[in-house]
Amino acid sequence: AQRTTYEISQDGNEVQLDEQLIKLAANSSAHRLTTNLYNKHVTMLRL
């Protein structure tokens, strides 16, 4: 689910901001792709 982190801060926090932002961008692209596919299928059915 979450690969082991390669860097841990001194307070024990394992969040890598760059890694989370990359995942967030990929998630946004997946949302855009799915909504486009959904809209195209609805348009096709209406036609």
ModelCIF file with pLDDT and N, C-alpha, C, O atoms, coordinates in Angstrom:
data_MODEL
#
_entry.id   MODEL 
#
_entity.id                         1 
_entity.type                       polymer 
_entity.pdbx_number_of_molecules   1 
#
_entity_poly.entity_id                      1 
_entity_poly.type                           'polypeptide(L)' 
_entity_poly.nstd_linkage                   no 
_entity_poly.nstd_monomer                   no 
_entity_poly.pdbx_seq_one_letter_code       AQRTTYEISQDGNEVQLDEQLIKLAANSSAHRLTTNLYNKHVTMLRL 
_entity_poly.pdbx_seq_one_letter_code_can   AQRTTYEISQDGNEVQLDEQLIKLAANSSAHRLTTNLYNKHVTMLRL 
_entity_poly.pdbx_strand_id                 A 
#
loop_
_entity_poly_seq.entity_id 
_entity_poly_seq.num 
_entity_poly_seq.mon_id 
_entity_poly_seq.hetero 
1 1  ALA n 
1 2  GLN n 
1 3  ARG n 
1 4  THR n 
1 5  THR n 
1 6  TYR n 
1 7  GLU n 
1 8  ILE n 
1 9  SER n 
1 10 GLN n 
1 11 ASP n 
1 12 GLY n 
1 13 ASN n 
1 14 GLU n 
1 15 VAL n 
1 16 GLN n 
1 17 LEU n 
1 18 ASP n 
1 19 GLU n 
1 20 GLN n 
1 21 LEU n 
1 22 ILE n 
1 23 LYS n 
1 24 LEU n 
1 25 ALA n 
1 26 ALA n 
1 27 ASN n 
1 28 SER n 
1 29 SER n 
1 30 ALA n 
1 31 HIS n 
1 32 ARG n 
1 33 LEU n 
1 34 THR n 
1 35 THR n 
1 36 ASN n 
1 37 LEU n 
1 38 TYR n 
1 39 ASN n 
1 40 LYS n 
1 41 HIS n 
1 42 VAL n 
1 43 THR n 
1 44 MET n 
1 45 LEU n 
1 46 ARG n 
1 47 LEU n 
#
_struct_asym.id          A 
_struct_asym.entity_id   1 
#
loop_
_ma_qa_metric.id 
_ma_qa_metric.mode 
_ma_qa_metric.name 
_ma_qa_metric.software_group_id 
_ma_qa_metric.type 
1 global pLDDT . pLDDT 
2 local  pLDDT . pLDDT 
#
_ma_qa_metric_global.metric_id      1 
_ma_qa_metric_global.metric_value   83.81 
_ma_qa_metric_global.model_id       1 
_ma_qa_metric_global.ordinal_id     1 
#
loop_
_ma_qa_metric_local.label_asym_id 
_ma_qa_metric_local.label_comp_id 
_ma_qa_metric_local.label_seq_id 
_ma_qa_metric_local.metric_id 
_ma_qa_metric_local.metric_value 
_ma_qa_metric_local.model_id 
_ma_qa_metric_local.ordinal_id 
A ALA 1  2 42.00 1 1  
A GLN 2  2 53.00 1 2  
A ARG 3  2 52.00 1 3  
A THR 4  2 57.00 1 4  
A THR 5  2 56.00 1 5  
A TYR 6  2 60.00 1 6  
A GLU 7  2 68.00 1 7  
A ILE 8  2 72.00 1 8  
A SER 9  2 73.00 1 9  
A GLN 10 2 71.00 1 10 
A ASP 11 2 78.00 1 11 
A GLY 12 2 78.00 1 12 
A ASN 13 2 83.00 1 13 
A GLU 14 2 83.00 1 14 
A VAL 15 2 85.00 1 15 
A GLN 16 2 87.00 1 16 
A LEU 17 2 88.00 1 17 
A ASP 18 2 89.00 1 18 
A GLU 19 2 90.00 1 19 
A GLN 20 2 90.00 1 20 
A LEU 21 2 93.00 1 21 
A ILE 22 2 93.00 1 22 
A LYS 23 2 92.00 1 23 
A LEU 24 2 94.00 1 24 
A ALA 25 2 95.00 1 25 
A ALA 26 2 93.00 1 26 
A ASN 27 2 93.00 1 27 
A SER 28 2 95.00 1 28 
A SER 29 2 95.00 1 29 
A ALA 30 2 93.00 1 30 
A HIS 31 2 95.00 1 31 
A ARG 32 2 96.00 1 32 
A LEU 33 2 94.00 1 33 
A THR 34 2 93.00 1 34 
A THR 35 2 95.00 1 35 
A ASN 36 2 95.00 1 36 
A LEU 37 2 92.00 1 37 
A TYR 38 2 90.00 1 38 
A ASN 39 2 92.00 1 39 
A LYS 40 2 91.00 1 40 
A HIS 41 2 89.00 1 41 
A VAL 42 2 87.00 1 42 
A THR 43 2 89.00 1 43 
A MET 44 2 89.00 1 44 
A LEU 45 2 86.00 1 45 
A ARG 46 2 87.00 1 46 
A LEU 47 2 88.00 1 47 
#
loop_
_atom_site.group_PDB 
_atom_site.id 
_atom_site.type_symbol 
_atom_site.label_atom_id 
_atom_site.label_alt_id 
_atom_site.label_comp_id 
_atom_site.label_asym_id 
_atom_site.label_entity_id 
_atom_site.label_seq_id 
_atom_site.pdbx_PDB_ins_code 
_atom_site.Cartn_x 
_atom_site.Cartn_y 
_atom_site.Cartn_z 
_atom_site.occupancy 
_atom_site.B_iso_or_equiv 
_atom_site.pdbx_formal_charge 
_atom_site.auth_seq_id 
_atom_site.auth_comp_id 
_atom_site.auth_asym_id 
_atom_site.auth_atom_id 
_atom_site.pdbx_PDB_model_num 
ATOM 1   N N  . ALA A 1 1  ? 0.832   -1.196 0.000   1.00 42.00 ? 1  ALA A N  1 
ATOM 2   C CA . ALA A 1 1  ? 0.000   0.000  0.000   1.00 42.00 ? 1  ALA A CA 1 
ATOM 3   C C  . ALA A 1 1  ? 0.872   1.253  0.000   1.00 42.00 ? 1  ALA A C  1 
ATOM 4   O O  . ALA A 1 1  ? 0.602   2.200  -0.739  1.00 42.00 ? 1  ALA A O  1 
ATOM 5   N N  . GLN A 1 2  ? 1.894   1.260  0.810   1.00 53.00 ? 2  GLN A N  1 
ATOM 6   C CA . GLN A 1 2  ? 2.819   2.401  0.884   1.00 53.00 ? 2  GLN A CA 1 
ATOM 7   C C  . GLN A 1 2  ? 4.210   1.813  0.996   1.00 53.00 ? 2  GLN A C  1 
ATOM 8   O O  . GLN A 1 2  ? 4.517   1.095  1.948   1.00 53.00 ? 2  GLN A O  1 
ATOM 9   N N  . ARG A 1 3  ? 5.038   2.114  0.033   1.00 52.00 ? 3  ARG A N  1 
ATOM 10  C CA . ARG A 1 3  ? 6.381   1.546  0.095   1.00 52.00 ? 3  ARG A CA 1 
ATOM 11  C C  . ARG A 1 3  ? 7.119   2.118  1.298   1.00 52.00 ? 3  ARG A C  1 
ATOM 12  O O  . ARG A 1 3  ? 6.755   3.174  1.815   1.00 52.00 ? 3  ARG A O  1 
ATOM 13  N N  . THR A 1 4  ? 8.129   1.434  1.727   1.00 57.00 ? 4  THR A N  1 
ATOM 14  C CA . THR A 1 4  ? 8.871   1.926  2.869   1.00 57.00 ? 4  THR A CA 1 
ATOM 15  C C  . THR A 1 4  ? 9.549   3.234  2.495   1.00 57.00 ? 4  THR A C  1 
ATOM 16  O O  . THR A 1 4  ? 10.065  3.395  1.389   1.00 57.00 ? 4  THR A O  1 
ATOM 17  N N  . THR A 1 5  ? 9.535   4.140  3.417   1.00 56.00 ? 5  THR A N  1 
ATOM 18  C CA . THR A 1 5  ? 10.094  5.455  3.126   1.00 56.00 ? 5  THR A CA 1 
ATOM 19  C C  . THR A 1 5  ? 11.613  5.402  3.167   1.00 56.00 ? 5  THR A C  1 
ATOM 20  O O  . THR A 1 5  ? 12.202  4.638  3.932   1.00 56.00 ? 5  THR A O  1 
ATOM 21  N N  . TYR A 1 6  ? 12.226  6.207  2.348   1.00 60.00 ? 6  TYR A N  1 
ATOM 22  C CA . TYR A 1 6  ? 13.677  6.225  2.285   1.00 60.00 ? 6  TYR A CA 1 
ATOM 23  C C  . TYR A 1 6  ? 14.270  7.303  3.167   1.00 60.00 ? 6  TYR A C  1 
ATOM 24  O O  . TYR A 1 6  ? 15.489  7.400  3.311   1.00 60.00 ? 6  TYR A O  1 
ATOM 25  N N  . GLU A 1 7  ? 13.408  8.110  3.756   1.00 68.00 ? 7  GLU A N  1 
ATOM 26  C CA . GLU A 1 7  ? 13.900  9.183  4.605   1.00 68.00 ? 7  GLU A CA 1 
ATOM 27  C C  . GLU A 1 7  ? 12.882  9.450  5.703   1.00 68.00 ? 7  GLU A C  1 
ATOM 28  O O  . GLU A 1 7  ? 11.689  9.584  5.433   1.00 68.00 ? 7  GLU A O  1 
ATOM 29  N N  . ILE A 1 8  ? 13.350  9.525  6.931   1.00 72.00 ? 8  ILE A N  1 
ATOM 30  C CA . ILE A 1 8  ? 12.487  9.827  8.075   1.00 72.00 ? 8  ILE A CA 1 
ATOM 31  C C  . ILE A 1 8  ? 13.062  11.050 8.767   1.00 72.00 ? 8  ILE A C  1 
ATOM 32  O O  . ILE A 1 8  ? 14.265  11.123 9.019   1.00 72.00 ? 8  ILE A O  1 
ATOM 33  N N  . SER A 1 9  ? 12.198  12.009 9.074   1.00 73.00 ? 9  SER A N  1 
ATOM 34  C CA . SER A 1 9  ? 12.680  13.222 9.729   1.00 73.00 ? 9  SER A CA 1 
ATOM 35  C C  . SER A 1 9  ? 13.063  12.924 11.174  1.00 73.00 ? 9  SER A C  1 
ATOM 36  O O  . SER A 1 9  ? 12.802  11.831 11.677  1.00 73.00 ? 9  SER A O  1 
ATOM 37  N N  . GLN A 1 10 ? 13.676  13.888 11.833  1.00 71.00 ? 10 GLN A N  1 
ATOM 38  C CA . GLN A 1 10 ? 14.133  13.679 13.202  1.00 71.00 ? 10 GLN A CA 1 
ATOM 39  C C  . GLN A 1 10 ? 12.981  13.470 14.181  1.00 71.00 ? 10 GLN A C  1 
ATOM 40  O O  . GLN A 1 10 ? 13.156  12.813 15.207  1.00 71.00 ? 10 GLN A O  1 
ATOM 41  N N  . ASP A 1 11 ? 11.813  14.016 13.879  1.00 78.00 ? 11 ASP A N  1 
ATOM 42  C CA . ASP A 1 11 ? 10.673  13.819 14.775  1.00 78.00 ? 11 ASP A CA 1 
ATOM 43  C C  . ASP A 1 11 ? 9.891   12.543 14.462  1.00 78.00 ? 11 ASP A C  1 
ATOM 44  O O  . ASP A 1 11 ? 8.846   12.306 15.069  1.00 78.00 ? 11 ASP A O  1 
ATOM 45  N N  . GLY A 1 12 ? 10.370  11.719 13.534  1.00 78.00 ? 12 GLY A N  1 
ATOM 46  C CA . GLY A 1 12 ? 9.741   10.443 13.225  1.00 78.00 ? 12 GLY A CA 1 
ATOM 47  C C  . GLY A 1 12 ? 8.698   10.511 12.131  1.00 78.00 ? 12 GLY A C  1 
ATOM 48  O O  . GLY A 1 12 ? 8.035   9.510  11.859  1.00 78.00 ? 12 GLY A O  1 
ATOM 49  N N  . ASN A 1 13 ? 8.531   11.652 11.500  1.00 83.00 ? 13 ASN A N  1 
ATOM 50  C CA . ASN A 1 13 ? 7.558   11.798 10.427  1.00 83.00 ? 13 ASN A CA 1 
ATOM 51  C C  . ASN A 1 13 ? 8.104   11.164 9.153   1.00 83.00 ? 13 ASN A C  1 
ATOM 52  O O  . ASN A 1 13 ? 9.242   11.422 8.763   1.00 83.00 ? 13 ASN A O  1 
ATOM 53  N N  . GLU A 1 14 ? 7.282   10.327 8.500   1.00 83.00 ? 14 GLU A N  1 
ATOM 54  C CA . GLU A 1 14 ? 7.734   9.617  7.311   1.00 83.00 ? 14 GLU A CA 1 
ATOM 55  C C  . GLU A 1 14 ? 7.133   10.159 6.017   1.00 83.00 ? 14 GLU A C  1 
ATOM 56  O O  . GLU A 1 14 ? 7.294   9.538  4.967   1.00 83.00 ? 14 GLU A O  1 
ATOM 57  N N  . VAL A 1 15 ? 6.453   11.285 6.063   1.00 85.00 ? 15 VAL A N  1 
ATOM 58  C CA . VAL A 1 15 ? 5.823   11.853 4.872   1.00 85.00 ? 15 VAL A CA 1 
ATOM 59  C C  . VAL A 1 15 ? 6.868   12.531 4.002   1.00 85.00 ? 15 VAL A C  1 
ATOM 60  O O  . VAL A 1 15 ? 7.593   13.413 4.462   1.00 85.00 ? 15 VAL A O  1 
ATOM 61  N N  . GLN A 1 16 ? 6.943   12.115 2.743   1.00 87.00 ? 16 GLN A N  1 
ATOM 62  C CA . GLN A 1 16 ? 7.797   12.760 1.760   1.00 87.00 ? 16 GLN A CA 1 
ATOM 63  C C  . GLN A 1 16 ? 6.898   13.611 0.885   1.00 87.00 ? 16 GLN A C  1 
ATOM 64  O O  . GLN A 1 16 ? 6.103   13.083 0.108   1.00 87.00 ? 16 GLN A O  1 
ATOM 65  N N  . LEU A 1 17 ? 7.017   14.913 1.003   1.00 88.00 ? 17 LEU A N  1 
ATOM 66  C CA . LEU A 1 17 ? 6.111   15.829 0.322   1.00 88.00 ? 17 LEU A CA 1 
ATOM 67  C C  . LEU A 1 17 ? 6.160   15.668 -1.194  1.00 88.00 ? 17 LEU A C  1 
ATOM 68  O O  . LEU A 1 17 ? 5.117   15.688 -1.848  1.00 88.00 ? 17 LEU A O  1 
ATOM 69  N N  . ASP A 1 18 ? 7.349   15.507 -1.763  1.00 89.00 ? 18 ASP A N  1 
ATOM 70  C CA . ASP A 1 18 ? 7.444   15.358 -3.212  1.00 89.00 ? 18 ASP A CA 1 
ATOM 71  C C  . ASP A 1 18 ? 6.747   14.090 -3.696  1.00 89.00 ? 18 ASP A C  1 
ATOM 72  O O  . ASP A 1 18 ? 6.089   14.096 -4.736  1.00 89.00 ? 18 ASP A O  1 
ATOM 73  N N  . GLU A 1 19 ? 6.893   13.013 -2.944  1.00 90.00 ? 19 GLU A N  1 
ATOM 74  C CA . GLU A 1 19 ? 6.240   11.755 -3.302  1.00 90.00 ? 19 GLU A CA 1 
ATOM 75  C C  . GLU A 1 19 ? 4.718   11.888 -3.235  1.00 90.00 ? 19 GLU A C  1 
ATOM 76  O O  . GLU A 1 19 ? 4.011   11.395 -4.114  1.00 90.00 ? 19 GLU A O  1 
ATOM 77  N N  . GLN A 1 20 ? 4.218   12.548 -2.203  1.00 90.00 ? 20 GLN A N  1 
ATOM 78  C CA . GLN A 1 20 ? 2.767   12.725 -2.048  1.00 90.00 ? 20 GLN A CA 1 
ATOM 79  C C  . GLN A 1 20 ? 2.208   13.630 -3.144  1.00 90.00 ? 20 GLN A C  1 
ATOM 80  O O  . GLN A 1 20 ? 1.095   13.403 -3.621  1.00 90.00 ? 20 GLN A O  1 
ATOM 81  N N  . LEU A 1 21 ? 2.958   14.644 -3.547  1.00 93.00 ? 21 LEU A N  1 
ATOM 82  C CA . LEU A 1 21 ? 2.501   15.535 -4.610  1.00 93.00 ? 21 LEU A CA 1 
ATOM 83  C C  . LEU A 1 21 ? 2.469   14.824 -5.960  1.00 93.00 ? 21 LEU A C  1 
ATOM 84  O O  . LEU A 1 21 ? 1.590   15.093 -6.779  1.00 93.00 ? 21 LEU A O  1 
ATOM 85  N N  . ILE A 1 22 ? 3.407   13.929 -6.198  1.00 93.00 ? 22 ILE A N  1 
ATOM 86  C CA . ILE A 1 22 ? 3.402   13.137 -7.432  1.00 93.00 ? 22 ILE A CA 1 
ATOM 87  C C  . ILE A 1 22 ? 2.179   12.229 -7.454  1.00 93.00 ? 22 ILE A C  1 
ATOM 88  O O  . ILE A 1 22 ? 1.510   12.109 -8.481  1.00 93.00 ? 22 ILE A O  1 
ATOM 89  N N  . LYS A 1 23 ? 1.887   11.591 -6.328  1.00 92.00 ? 23 LYS A N  1 
ATOM 90  C CA . LYS A 1 23 ? 0.696   10.742 -6.242  1.00 92.00 ? 23 LYS A CA 1 
ATOM 91  C C  . LYS A 1 23 ? -0.577  11.558 -6.427  1.00 92.00 ? 23 LYS A C  1 
ATOM 92  O O  . LYS A 1 23 ? -1.528  11.100 -7.060  1.00 92.00 ? 23 LYS A O  1 
ATOM 93  N N  . LEU A 1 24 ? -0.593  12.761 -5.878  1.00 94.00 ? 24 LEU A N  1 
ATOM 94  C CA . LEU A 1 24 ? -1.755  13.641 -6.013  1.00 94.00 ? 24 LEU A CA 1 
ATOM 95  C C  . LEU A 1 24 ? -1.967  14.040 -7.475  1.00 94.00 ? 24 LEU A C  1 
ATOM 96  O O  . LEU A 1 24 ? -3.106  14.089 -7.941  1.00 94.00 ? 24 LEU A O  1 
ATOM 97  N N  . ALA A 1 25 ? -0.897  14.322 -8.193  1.00 95.00 ? 25 ALA A N  1 
ATOM 98  C CA . ALA A 1 25 ? -1.007  14.666 -9.612  1.00 95.00 ? 25 ALA A CA 1 
ATOM 99  C C  . ALA A 1 25 ? -1.494  13.477 -10.434 1.00 95.00 ? 25 ALA A C  1 
ATOM 100 O O  . ALA A 1 25 ? -2.310  13.643 -11.341 1.00 95.00 ? 25 ALA A O  1 
ATOM 101 N N  . ALA A 1 26 ? -1.001  12.284 -10.126 1.00 93.00 ? 26 ALA A N  1 
ATOM 102 C CA . ALA A 1 26 ? -1.462  11.078 -10.823 1.00 93.00 ? 26 ALA A CA 1 
ATOM 103 C C  . ALA A 1 26 ? -2.936  10.816 -10.533 1.00 93.00 ? 26 ALA A C  1 
ATOM 104 O O  . ALA A 1 26 ? -3.684  10.391 -11.413 1.00 93.00 ? 26 ALA A O  1 
ATOM 105 N N  . ASN A 1 27 ? -3.342  11.070 -9.306  1.00 93.00 ? 27 ASN A N  1 
ATOM 106 C CA . ASN A 1 27 ? -4.738  10.887 -8.927  1.00 93.00 ? 27 ASN A CA 1 
ATOM 107 C C  . ASN A 1 27 ? -5.628  11.879 -9.665  1.00 93.00 ? 27 ASN A C  1 
ATOM 108 O O  . ASN A 1 27 ? -6.728  11.524 -10.088 1.00 93.00 ? 27 ASN A O  1 
ATOM 109 N N  . SER A 1 28 ? -5.170  13.110 -9.822  1.00 95.00 ? 28 SER A N  1 
ATOM 110 C CA . SER A 1 28 ? -5.916  14.119 -10.566 1.00 95.00 ? 28 SER A CA 1 
ATOM 111 C C  . SER A 1 28 ? -6.061  13.720 -12.030 1.00 95.00 ? 28 SER A C  1 
ATOM 112 O O  . SER A 1 28 ? -7.122  13.916 -12.623 1.00 95.00 ? 28 SER A O  1 
ATOM 113 N N  . SER A 1 29 ? -5.018  13.168 -12.612 1.00 95.00 ? 29 SER A N  1 
ATOM 114 C CA . SER A 1 29 ? -5.075  12.701 -14.001 1.00 95.00 ? 29 SER A CA 1 
ATOM 115 C C  . SER A 1 29 ? -6.051  11.540 -14.147 1.00 95.00 ? 29 SER A C  1 
ATOM 116 O O  . SER A 1 29 ? -6.781  11.461 -15.135 1.00 95.00 ? 29 SER A O  1 
ATOM 117 N N  . ALA A 1 30 ? -6.066  10.638 -13.166 1.00 93.00 ? 30 ALA A N  1 
ATOM 118 C CA . ALA A 1 30 ? -7.008  9.516  -13.194 1.00 93.00 ? 30 ALA A CA 1 
ATOM 119 C C  . ALA A 1 30 ? -8.445  10.011 -13.114 1.00 93.00 ? 30 ALA A C  1 
ATOM 120 O O  . ALA A 1 30 ? -9.326  9.470  -13.781 1.00 93.00 ? 30 ALA A O  1 
ATOM 121 N N  . HIS A 1 31 ? -8.687  11.038 -12.301 1.00 95.00 ? 31 HIS A N  1 
ATOM 122 C CA . HIS A 1 31 ? -10.027 11.618 -12.195 1.00 95.00 ? 31 HIS A CA 1 
ATOM 123 C C  . HIS A 1 31 ? -10.453 12.239 -13.522 1.00 95.00 ? 31 HIS A C  1 
ATOM 124 O O  . HIS A 1 31 ? -11.577 12.028 -13.980 1.00 95.00 ? 31 HIS A O  1 
ATOM 125 N N  . ARG A 1 32 ? -9.559  13.000 -14.133 1.00 96.00 ? 32 ARG A N  1 
ATOM 126 C CA . ARG A 1 32 ? -9.862  13.647 -15.410 1.00 96.00 ? 32 ARG A CA 1 
ATOM 127 C C  . ARG A 1 32 ? -10.149 12.611 -16.491 1.00 96.00 ? 32 ARG A C  1 
ATOM 128 O O  . ARG A 1 32 ? -11.092 12.772 -17.266 1.00 96.00 ? 32 ARG A O  1 
ATOM 129 N N  . LEU A 1 33 ? -9.349  11.555 -16.550 1.00 94.00 ? 33 LEU A N  1 
ATOM 130 C CA . LEU A 1 33 ? -9.537  10.501 -17.535 1.00 94.00 ? 33 LEU A CA 1 
ATOM 131 C C  . LEU A 1 33 ? -10.887 9.812  -17.344 1.00 94.00 ? 33 LEU A C  1 
ATOM 132 O O  . LEU A 1 33 ? -11.609 9.581  -18.314 1.00 94.00 ? 33 LEU A O  1 
ATOM 133 N N  . THR A 1 34 ? -11.226 9.488  -16.111 1.00 93.00 ? 34 THR A N  1 
ATOM 134 C CA . THR A 1 34 ? -12.479 8.787  -15.835 1.00 93.00 ? 34 THR A CA 1 
ATOM 135 C C  . THR A 1 34 ? -13.692 9.649  -16.157 1.00 93.00 ? 34 THR A C  1 
ATOM 136 O O  . THR A 1 34 ? -14.668 9.157  -16.724 1.00 93.00 ? 34 THR A O  1 
ATOM 137 N N  . THR A 1 35 ? -13.643 10.926 -15.801 1.00 95.00 ? 35 THR A N  1 
ATOM 138 C CA . THR A 1 35 ? -14.787 11.792 -16.114 1.00 95.00 ? 35 THR A CA 1 
ATOM 139 C C  . THR A 1 35 ? -14.926 11.994 -17.621 1.00 95.00 ? 35 THR A C  1 
ATOM 140 O O  . THR A 1 35 ? -16.045 12.066 -18.128 1.00 95.00 ? 35 THR A O  1 
ATOM 141 N N  . ASN A 1 36 ? -13.816 12.085 -18.341 1.00 95.00 ? 36 ASN A N  1 
ATOM 142 C CA . ASN A 1 36 ? -13.890 12.192 -19.798 1.00 95.00 ? 36 ASN A CA 1 
ATOM 143 C C  . ASN A 1 36 ? -14.492 10.938 -20.424 1.00 95.00 ? 36 ASN A C  1 
ATOM 144 O O  . ASN A 1 36 ? -15.330 11.030 -21.321 1.00 95.00 ? 36 ASN A O  1 
ATOM 145 N N  . LEU A 1 37 ? -14.066 9.765  -19.951 1.00 92.00 ? 37 LEU A N  1 
ATOM 146 C CA . LEU A 1 37 ? -14.632 8.518  -20.463 1.00 92.00 ? 37 LEU A CA 1 
ATOM 147 C C  . LEU A 1 37 ? -16.118 8.416  -20.146 1.00 92.00 ? 37 LEU A C  1 
ATOM 148 O O  . LEU A 1 37 ? -16.901 7.974  -20.987 1.00 92.00 ? 37 LEU A O  1 
ATOM 149 N N  . TYR A 1 38 ? -16.509 8.814  -18.957 1.00 90.00 ? 38 TYR A N  1 
ATOM 150 C CA . TYR A 1 38 ? -17.907 8.779  -18.557 1.00 90.00 ? 38 TYR A CA 1 
ATOM 151 C C  . TYR A 1 38 ? -18.732 9.689  -19.470 1.00 90.00 ? 38 TYR A C  1 
ATOM 152 O O  . TYR A 1 38 ? -19.782 9.285  -19.971 1.00 90.00 ? 38 TYR A O  1 
ATOM 153 N N  . ASN A 1 39 ? -18.259 10.906 -19.682 1.00 92.00 ? 39 ASN A N  1 
ATOM 154 C CA . ASN A 1 39 ? -18.970 11.850 -20.545 1.00 92.00 ? 39 ASN A CA 1 
ATOM 155 C C  . ASN A 1 39 ? -19.059 11.355 -21.979 1.00 92.00 ? 39 ASN A C  1 
ATOM 156 O O  . ASN A 1 39 ? -20.098 11.519 -22.619 1.00 92.00 ? 39 ASN A O  1 
ATOM 157 N N  . LYS A 1 40 ? -18.000 10.754 -22.498 1.00 91.00 ? 40 LYS A N  1 
ATOM 158 C CA . LYS A 1 40 ? -18.021 10.226 -23.862 1.00 91.00 ? 40 LYS A CA 1 
ATOM 159 C C  . LYS A 1 40 ? -19.022 9.086  -24.002 1.00 91.00 ? 40 LYS A C  1 
ATOM 160 O O  . LYS A 1 40 ? -19.715 8.997  -25.015 1.00 91.00 ? 40 LYS A O  1 
ATOM 161 N N  . HIS A 1 41 ? -19.109 8.212  -22.998 1.00 89.00 ? 41 HIS A N  1 
ATOM 162 C CA . HIS A 1 41 ? -20.076 7.117  -23.054 1.00 89.00 ? 41 HIS A CA 1 
ATOM 163 C C  . HIS A 1 41 ? -21.512 7.641  -22.982 1.00 89.00 ? 41 HIS A C  1 
ATOM 164 O O  . HIS A 1 41 ? -22.385 7.147  -23.696 1.00 89.00 ? 41 HIS A O  1 
ATOM 165 N N  . VAL A 1 42 ? -21.758 8.615  -22.143 1.00 87.00 ? 42 VAL A N  1 
ATOM 166 C CA . VAL A 1 42 ? -23.101 9.193  -22.047 1.00 87.00 ? 42 VAL A CA 1 
ATOM 167 C C  . VAL A 1 42 ? -23.474 9.866  -23.364 1.00 87.00 ? 42 VAL A C  1 
ATOM 168 O O  . VAL A 1 42 ? -24.606 9.726  -23.828 1.00 87.00 ? 42 VAL A O  1 
ATOM 169 N N  . THR A 1 43 ? -22.543 10.589 -23.967 1.00 89.00 ? 43 THR A N  1 
ATOM 170 C CA . THR A 1 43 ? -22.791 11.227 -25.264 1.00 89.00 ? 43 THR A CA 1 
ATOM 171 C C  . THR A 1 43 ? -23.089 10.180 -26.337 1.00 89.00 ? 43 THR A C  1 
ATOM 172 O O  . THR A 1 43 ? -23.992 10.364 -27.153 1.00 89.00 ? 43 THR A O  1 
ATOM 173 N N  . MET A 1 44 ? -22.340 9.097  -26.334 1.00 89.00 ? 44 MET A N  1 
ATOM 174 C CA . MET A 1 44 ? -22.554 8.024  -27.302 1.00 89.00 ? 44 MET A CA 1 
ATOM 175 C C  . MET A 1 44 ? -23.937 7.397  -27.119 1.00 89.00 ? 44 MET A C  1 
ATOM 176 O O  . MET A 1 44 ? -24.623 7.114  -28.101 1.00 89.00 ? 44 MET A O  1 
ATOM 177 N N  . LEU A 1 45 ? -24.345 7.181  -25.875 1.00 86.00 ? 45 LEU A N  1 
ATOM 178 C CA . LEU A 1 45 ? -25.658 6.602  -25.619 1.00 86.00 ? 45 LEU A CA 1 
ATOM 179 C C  . LEU A 1 45 ? -26.776 7.551  -26.046 1.00 86.00 ? 45 LEU A C  1 
ATOM 180 O O  . LEU A 1 45 ? -27.790 7.117  -26.594 1.00 86.00 ? 45 LEU A O  1 
ATOM 181 N N  . ARG A 1 46 ? -26.589 8.838  -25.796 1.00 87.00 ? 46 ARG A N  1 
ATOM 182 C CA . ARG A 1 46 ? -27.603 9.816  -26.221 1.00 87.00 ? 46 ARG A CA 1 
ATOM 183 C C  . ARG A 1 46 ? -27.732 9.854  -27.739 1.00 87.00 ? 46 ARG A C  1 
ATOM 184 O O  . ARG A 1 46 ? -28.838 9.963  -28.267 1.00 87.00 ? 46 ARG A O  1 
ATOM 185 N N  . LEU A 1 47 ? -26.626 9.768  -28.428 1.00 88.00 ? 47 LEU A N  1 
ATOM 186 C CA . LEU A 1 47 ? -26.679 9.730  -29.893 1.00 88.00 ? 47 LEU A CA 1 
ATOM 187 C C  . LEU A 1 47 ? -27.348 8.453  -30.379 1.00 88.00 ? 47 LEU A C  1 
ATOM 188 O O  . LEU A 1 47 ? -27.481 8.246  -31.585 1.00 88.00 ? 47 LEU A O  1 
#
